All heavy atoms as atom14 arrays in JSON, in Angstrom:
{
  "sequence": "GVPFPKSQPMRIYSSLWNADDWATRGGLIKTD",
  "atom14_mask": [
    [1, 1, 1, 1, 0, 0, 0, 0, 0, 0, 0, 0, 0, 0],
    [1, 1, 1, 1, 1, 1, 1, 0, 0, 0, 0, 0, 0, 0],
    [1, 1, 1, 1, 1, 1, 1, 0, 0, 0, 0, 0, 0, 0],
    [1, 1, 1, 1, 1, 1, 1, 1, 1, 1, 1, 0, 0, 0],
    [1, 1, 1, 1, 1, 1, 1, 0, 0, 0, 0, 0, 0, 0],
    [1, 1, 1, 1, 1, 1, 1, 1, 1, 0, 0, 0, 0, 0],
    [1, 1, 1, 1, 1, 1, 0, 0, 0, 0, 0, 0, 0, 0],
    [1, 1, 1, 1, 1, 1, 1, 1, 1, 0, 0, 0, 0, 0],
    [1, 1, 1, 1, 1, 1, 1, 0, 0, 0, 0, 0, 0, 0],
    [1, 1, 1, 1, 1, 1, 1, 1, 0, 0, 0, 0, 0, 0],
    [1, 1, 1, 1, 1, 1, 1, 1, 1, 1, 1, 0, 0, 0],
    [1, 1, 1, 1, 1, 1, 1, 1, 0, 0, 0, 0, 0, 0],
    [1, 1, 1, 1, 1, 1, 1, 1, 1, 1, 1, 1, 0, 0],
    [1, 1, 1, 1, 1, 1, 0, 0, 0, 0, 0, 0, 0, 0],
    [1, 1, 1, 1, 1, 1, 0, 0, 0, 0, 0, 0, 0, 0],
    [1, 1, 1, 1, 1, 1, 1, 1, 0, 0, 0, 0, 0, 0],
    [1, 1, 1, 1, 1, 1, 1, 1, 1, 1, 1, 1, 1, 1],
    [1, 1, 1, 1, 1, 1, 1, 1, 0, 0, 0, 0, 0, 0],
    [1, 1, 1, 1, 1, 0, 0, 0, 0, 0, 0, 0, 0, 0],
    [1, 1, 1, 1, 1, 1, 1, 1, 0, 0, 0, 0, 0, 0],
    [1, 1, 1, 1, 1, 1, 1, 1, 0, 0, 0, 0, 0, 0],
    [1, 1, 1, 1, 1, 1, 1, 1, 1, 1, 1, 1, 1, 1],
    [1, 1, 1, 1, 1, 0, 0, 0, 0, 0, 0, 0, 0, 0],
    [1, 1, 1, 1, 1, 1, 1, 0, 0, 0, 0, 0, 0, 0],
    [1, 1, 1, 1, 1, 1, 1, 1, 1, 1, 1, 0, 0, 0],
    [1, 1, 1, 1, 0, 0, 0, 0, 0, 0, 0, 0, 0, 0],
    [1, 1, 1, 1, 0, 0, 0, 0, 0, 0, 0, 0, 0, 0],
    [1, 1, 1, 1, 1, 1, 1, 1, 0, 0, 0, 0, 0, 0],
    [1, 1, 1, 1, 1, 1, 1, 1, 0, 0, 0, 0, 0, 0],
    [1, 1, 1, 1, 1, 1, 1, 1, 1, 0, 0, 0, 0, 0],
    [1, 1, 1, 1, 1, 1, 1, 0, 0, 0, 0, 0, 0, 0],
    [1, 1, 1, 1, 1, 1, 1, 1, 0, 0, 0, 0, 0, 0]
  ],
  "atom14_positions": [
    [[0.65, 4.34, -25.64], [-0.6, 3.84, -25.08], [-0.57, 3.51, -23.61], [-1.49, 2.83, -23.12], [0.0, 0.0, 0.0], [0.0, 0.0, 0.0], [0.0, 0.0, 0.0], [0.0, 0.0, 0.0], [0.0, 0.0, 0.0], [0.0, 0.0, 0.0], [0.0, 0.0, 0.0], [0.0, 0.0, 0.0], [0.0, 0.0, 0.0], [0.0, 0.0, 0.0]],
    [[0.44, 3.98, -22.86], [0.51, 3.73, -21.42], [-0.04, 4.96, -20.69], [0.52, 6.05, -20.82], [1.97, 3.47, -20.97], [2.02, 3.23, -19.47], [2.56, 2.3, -21.73], [0.0, 0.0, 0.0], [0.0, 0.0, 0.0], [0.0, 0.0, 0.0], [0.0, 0.0, 0.0], [0.0, 0.0, 0.0], [0.0, 0.0, 0.0], [0.0, 0.0, 0.0]],
    [[-1.14, 4.82, -19.94], [-1.68, 5.98, -19.23], [-0.67, 6.54, -18.22], [0.1, 5.78, -17.61], [-2.92, 5.42, -18.51], [-3.27, 4.17, -19.24], [-1.96, 3.61, -19.73], [0.0, 0.0, 0.0], [0.0, 0.0, 0.0], [0.0, 0.0, 0.0], [0.0, 0.0, 0.0], [0.0, 0.0, 0.0], [0.0, 0.0, 0.0], [0.0, 0.0, 0.0]],
    [[-0.69, 7.85, -18.05], [0.23, 8.52, -17.12], [-0.56, 9.5, -16.27], [-1.43, 10.21, -16.78], [1.31, 9.27, -17.91], [2.37, 9.91, -17.04], [3.45, 9.17, -16.58], [2.27, 11.25, -16.67], [4.42, 9.75, -15.78], [3.24, 11.84, -15.87], [4.32, 11.08, -15.42], [0.0, 0.0, 0.0], [0.0, 0.0, 0.0], [0.0, 0.0, 0.0]],
    [[-0.27, 9.54, -14.95], [-1.01, 10.48, -14.09], [-0.66, 11.93, -14.43], [0.46, 12.37, -14.21], [-0.5, 10.13, -12.67], [0.13, 8.78, -12.79], [0.67, 8.71, -14.18], [0.0, 0.0, 0.0], [0.0, 0.0, 0.0], [0.0, 0.0, 0.0], [0.0, 0.0, 0.0], [0.0, 0.0, 0.0], [0.0, 0.0, 0.0], [0.0, 0.0, 0.0]],
    [[-1.62, 12.67, -14.98], [-1.31, 14.05, -15.37], [-2.49, 15.0, -15.27], [-2.32, 16.2, -15.47], [-0.76, 14.09, -16.79], [-1.78, 13.74, -17.86], [-1.23, 14.03, -19.25], [-2.34, 13.91, -20.28], [-1.87, 14.18, -21.65], [0.0, 0.0, 0.0], [0.0, 0.0, 0.0], [0.0, 0.0, 0.0], [0.0, 0.0, 0.0], [0.0, 0.0, 0.0]],
    [[-3.68, 14.49, -14.95], [-4.84, 15.39, -14.96], [-5.65, 15.35, -13.66], [-6.54, 16.19, -13.49], [-5.76, 15.04, -16.13], [-6.18, 13.69, -16.05], [0.0, 0.0, 0.0], [0.0, 0.0, 0.0], [0.0, 0.0, 0.0], [0.0, 0.0, 0.0], [0.0, 0.0, 0.0], [0.0, 0.0, 0.0], [0.0, 0.0, 0.0], [0.0, 0.0, 0.0]],
    [[-5.35, 14.42, -12.77], [-6.11, 14.32, -11.53], [-5.27, 14.83, -10.35], [-4.2, 14.27, -10.07], [-6.52, 12.87, -11.26], [-7.4, 12.25, -12.32], [-7.9, 10.88, -11.91], [-8.63, 10.73, -10.93], [-7.5, 9.85, -12.64], [0.0, 0.0, 0.0], [0.0, 0.0, 0.0], [0.0, 0.0, 0.0], [0.0, 0.0, 0.0], [0.0, 0.0, 0.0]],
    [[-5.73, 15.86, -9.66], [-4.98, 16.31, -8.48], [-4.99, 15.24, -7.39], [-5.96, 14.49, -7.25], [-5.74, 17.56, -8.03], [-7.11, 17.42, -8.62], [-6.95, 16.65, -9.88], [0.0, 0.0, 0.0], [0.0, 0.0, 0.0], [0.0, 0.0, 0.0], [0.0, 0.0, 0.0], [0.0, 0.0, 0.0], [0.0, 0.0, 0.0], [0.0, 0.0, 0.0]],
    [[-3.9, 15.18, -6.64], [-3.74, 14.15, -5.61], [-3.41, 14.76, -4.26], [-2.68, 15.75, -4.2], [-2.64, 13.16, -6.01], [-2.91, 12.4, -7.3], [-1.88, 10.91, -7.44], [-0.66, 11.45, -8.64], [0.0, 0.0, 0.0], [0.0, 0.0, 0.0], [0.0, 0.0, 0.0], [0.0, 0.0, 0.0], [0.0, 0.0, 0.0], [0.0, 0.0, 0.0]],
    [[-3.93, 14.15, -3.22], [-3.52, 14.49, -1.86], [-2.38, 13.56, -1.41], [-2.18, 12.48, -1.98], [-4.68, 14.32, -0.88], [-5.77, 15.34, -1.01], [-6.78, 15.25, 0.14], [-7.99, 15.96, -0.19], [-8.16, 17.27, -0.05], [-7.17, 18.01, 0.45], [-9.29, 17.85, -0.39], [0.0, 0.0, 0.0], [0.0, 0.0, 0.0], [0.0, 0.0, 0.0]],
    [[-1.68, 14.0, -0.38], [-0.7, 13.15, 0.28], [-1.41, 12.43, 1.42], [-2.14, 13.06, 2.2], [0.45, 14.0, 0.84], [1.13, 14.8, -0.28], [1.46, 13.12, 1.58], [1.97, 15.95, 0.22], [0.0, 0.0, 0.0], [0.0, 0.0, 0.0], [0.0, 0.0, 0.0], [0.0, 0.0, 0.0], [0.0, 0.0, 0.0], [0.0, 0.0, 0.0]],
    [[-1.2, 11.13, 1.51], [-1.76, 10.33, 2.58], [-0.65, 9.54, 3.26], [0.35, 9.18, 2.64], [-2.79, 9.32, 2.04], [-4.01, 9.93, 1.39], [-4.01, 10.26, 0.04], [-5.16, 10.17, 2.12], [-5.12, 10.82, -0.57], [-6.29, 10.72, 1.52], [-6.26, 11.04, 0.18], [-7.38, 11.59, -0.42], [0.0, 0.0, 0.0], [0.0, 0.0, 0.0]],
    [[-0.85, 9.24, 4.53], [0.04, 8.31, 5.19], [-0.73, 7.58, 6.28], [-1.65, 8.13, 6.9], [1.25, 9.02, 5.8], [2.22, 8.07, 6.21], [0.0, 0.0, 0.0], [0.0, 0.0, 0.0], [0.0, 0.0, 0.0], [0.0, 0.0, 0.0], [0.0, 0.0, 0.0], [0.0, 0.0, 0.0], [0.0, 0.0, 0.0], [0.0, 0.0, 0.0]],
    [[-0.35, 6.32, 6.5], [-1.02, 5.51, 7.52], [-0.08, 4.44, 8.03], [0.88, 4.04, 7.35], [-2.3, 4.86, 6.94], [-1.99, 4.08, 5.81], [0.0, 0.0, 0.0], [0.0, 0.0, 0.0], [0.0, 0.0, 0.0], [0.0, 0.0, 0.0], [0.0, 0.0, 0.0], [0.0, 0.0, 0.0], [0.0, 0.0, 0.0], [0.0, 0.0, 0.0]],
    [[-0.35, 4.0, 9.24], [0.35, 2.86, 9.84], [-0.73, 1.86, 10.21], [-1.65, 2.18, 10.97], [1.14, 3.32, 11.07], [1.81, 2.24, 11.92], [2.77, 1.39, 11.12], [2.52, 2.88, 13.12], [0.0, 0.0, 0.0], [0.0, 0.0, 0.0], [0.0, 0.0, 0.0], [0.0, 0.0, 0.0], [0.0, 0.0, 0.0], [0.0, 0.0, 0.0]],
    [[-0.64, 0.65, 9.67], [-1.73, -0.3, 9.84], [-1.22, -1.73, 9.87], [-0.08, -2.01, 9.51], [-2.79, -0.12, 8.74], [-2.27, -0.07, 7.34], [-1.51, 0.9, 6.77], [-2.48, -1.05, 6.31], [-1.23, 0.6, 5.45], [-1.81, -0.58, 5.14], [-3.16, -2.26, 6.26], [-1.82, -1.29, 3.94], [-3.17, -2.96, 5.06], [-2.51, -2.48, 3.93]],
    [[-2.1, -2.61, 10.32], [-1.77, -4.04, 10.41], [-2.13, -4.74, 9.11], [-3.27, -4.69, 8.66], [-2.54, -4.68, 11.57], [-2.27, -6.17, 11.65], [-1.13, -6.61, 11.55], [-3.32, -6.96, 11.83], [0.0, 0.0, 0.0], [0.0, 0.0, 0.0], [0.0, 0.0, 0.0], [0.0, 0.0, 0.0], [0.0, 0.0, 0.0], [0.0, 0.0, 0.0]],
    [[-1.13, -5.38, 8.49], [-1.36, -6.12, 7.24], [-0.69, -7.48, 7.34], [-0.05, -7.94, 6.39], [-0.84, -5.33, 6.06], [0.0, 0.0, 0.0], [0.0, 0.0, 0.0], [0.0, 0.0, 0.0], [0.0, 0.0, 0.0], [0.0, 0.0, 0.0], [0.0, 0.0, 0.0], [0.0, 0.0, 0.0], [0.0, 0.0, 0.0], [0.0, 0.0, 0.0]],
    [[-0.85, -8.13, 8.5], [-0.1, -9.38, 8.69], [-0.66, -10.55, 7.9], [-0.11, -11.65, 7.93], [0.06, -9.72, 10.17], [-1.25, -10.09, 10.87], [-2.31, -10.12, 10.21], [-1.21, -10.33, 12.1], [0.0, 0.0, 0.0], [0.0, 0.0, 0.0], [0.0, 0.0, 0.0], [0.0, 0.0, 0.0], [0.0, 0.0, 0.0], [0.0, 0.0, 0.0]],
    [[-1.73, -10.31, 7.11], [-2.2, -11.35, 6.21], [-1.35, -11.43, 4.93], [-1.45, -12.41, 4.18], [-3.67, -11.14, 5.85], [-3.95, -9.76, 5.25], [-3.19, -8.82, 5.53], [-4.93, -9.63, 4.5], [0.0, 0.0, 0.0], [0.0, 0.0, 0.0], [0.0, 0.0, 0.0], [0.0, 0.0, 0.0], [0.0, 0.0, 0.0], [0.0, 0.0, 0.0]],
    [[-0.47, -10.41, 4.7], [0.35, -10.45, 3.48], [1.7, -9.75, 3.6], [2.61, -10.03, 2.82], [-0.4, -9.81, 2.3], [-0.67, -8.33, 2.46], [-1.76, -7.76, 3.03], [0.18, -7.24, 2.05], [-1.67, -6.4, 3.02], [-0.48, -6.05, 2.42], [1.41, -7.16, 1.41], [0.04, -4.78, 2.17], [1.95, -5.9, 1.16], [1.27, -4.73, 1.54]],
    [[1.89, -8.85, 4.57], [3.02, -7.92, 4.52], [4.38, -8.58, 4.7], [5.36, -8.2, 4.06], [2.84, -6.82, 5.57], [0.0, 0.0, 0.0], [0.0, 0.0, 0.0], [0.0, 0.0, 0.0], [0.0, 0.0, 0.0], [0.0, 0.0, 0.0], [0.0, 0.0, 0.0], [0.0, 0.0, 0.0], [0.0, 0.0, 0.0], [0.0, 0.0, 0.0]],
    [[4.49, -9.57, 5.59], [5.79, -10.15, 5.91], [5.81, -11.62, 5.51], [5.05, -12.44, 6.03], [6.09, -10.0, 7.41], [5.95, -8.62, 7.78], [7.5, -10.47, 7.73], [0.0, 0.0, 0.0], [0.0, 0.0, 0.0], [0.0, 0.0, 0.0], [0.0, 0.0, 0.0], [0.0, 0.0, 0.0], [0.0, 0.0, 0.0], [0.0, 0.0, 0.0]],
    [[6.68, -11.92, 4.53], [6.82, -13.28, 4.0], [5.46, -13.85, 3.57], [5.11, -14.99, 3.88], [7.5, -14.19, 5.02], [8.92, -13.73, 5.36], [9.63, -14.68, 6.28], [10.85, -14.07, 6.81], [11.61, -14.61, 7.76], [11.28, -15.78, 8.28], [12.68, -13.99, 8.19], [0.0, 0.0, 0.0], [0.0, 0.0, 0.0], [0.0, 0.0, 0.0]],
    [[4.72, -13.01, 2.86], [3.44, -13.46, 2.31], [2.39, -13.78, 3.35], [1.42, -14.48, 3.06], [0.0, 0.0, 0.0], [0.0, 0.0, 0.0], [0.0, 0.0, 0.0], [0.0, 0.0, 0.0], [0.0, 0.0, 0.0], [0.0, 0.0, 0.0], [0.0, 0.0, 0.0], [0.0, 0.0, 0.0], [0.0, 0.0, 0.0], [0.0, 0.0, 0.0]],
    [[2.55, -13.24, 4.56], [1.58, -13.48, 5.62], [1.97, -14.59, 6.58], [1.23, -14.88, 7.53], [0.0, 0.0, 0.0], [0.0, 0.0, 0.0], [0.0, 0.0, 0.0], [0.0, 0.0, 0.0], [0.0, 0.0, 0.0], [0.0, 0.0, 0.0], [0.0, 0.0, 0.0], [0.0, 0.0, 0.0], [0.0, 0.0, 0.0], [0.0, 0.0, 0.0]],
    [[3.13, -15.22, 6.35], [3.57, -16.3, 7.25], [3.93, -15.78, 8.63], [3.74, -16.47, 9.64], [4.77, -17.04, 6.64], [4.5, -17.85, 5.38], [5.8, -18.44, 4.83], [3.5, -18.97, 5.66], [0.0, 0.0, 0.0], [0.0, 0.0, 0.0], [0.0, 0.0, 0.0], [0.0, 0.0, 0.0], [0.0, 0.0, 0.0], [0.0, 0.0, 0.0]],
    [[4.48, -14.56, 8.69], [4.88, -13.98, 9.97], [3.8, -12.99, 10.42], [3.48, -12.05, 9.69], [6.24, -13.24, 9.85], [7.29, -14.15, 9.22], [6.7, -12.74, 11.22], [7.62, -15.38, 10.0], [0.0, 0.0, 0.0], [0.0, 0.0, 0.0], [0.0, 0.0, 0.0], [0.0, 0.0, 0.0], [0.0, 0.0, 0.0], [0.0, 0.0, 0.0]],
    [[3.25, -13.22, 11.6], [2.16, -12.4, 12.1], [2.68, -11.29, 13.03], [3.79, -11.36, 13.54], [1.14, -13.27, 12.84], [0.52, -14.36, 12.0], [-0.22, -13.79, 10.79], [-0.91, -14.88, 9.96], [-1.54, -14.32, 8.74], [0.0, 0.0, 0.0], [0.0, 0.0, 0.0], [0.0, 0.0, 0.0], [0.0, 0.0, 0.0], [0.0, 0.0, 0.0]],
    [[1.84, -10.29, 13.23], [2.19, -9.19, 14.12], [2.28, -9.68, 15.56], [1.4, -10.4, 16.03], [1.13, -8.07, 14.01], [1.03, -7.66, 12.64], [1.49, -6.89, 14.88], [0.0, 0.0, 0.0], [0.0, 0.0, 0.0], [0.0, 0.0, 0.0], [0.0, 0.0, 0.0], [0.0, 0.0, 0.0], [0.0, 0.0, 0.0], [0.0, 0.0, 0.0]],
    [[3.33, -9.31, 16.26], [3.51, -9.65, 17.67], [2.96, -8.5, 18.51], [3.64, -7.5, 18.75], [5.0, -9.88, 17.97], [5.24, -10.27, 19.42], [4.28, -10.3, 20.22], [6.41, -10.54, 19.77], [0.0, 0.0, 0.0], [0.0, 0.0, 0.0], [0.0, 0.0, 0.0], [0.0, 0.0, 0.0], [0.0, 0.0, 0.0], [0.0, 0.0, 0.0]]
  ]
}
């Protein structure tokens, strides 16, 4: 009963973005 990705075609994506509200130590460390 665990769904598995097998029927939907997927693209490859990549990005570089600012997530300083959560990315480093839960958001304690901000982007410099």
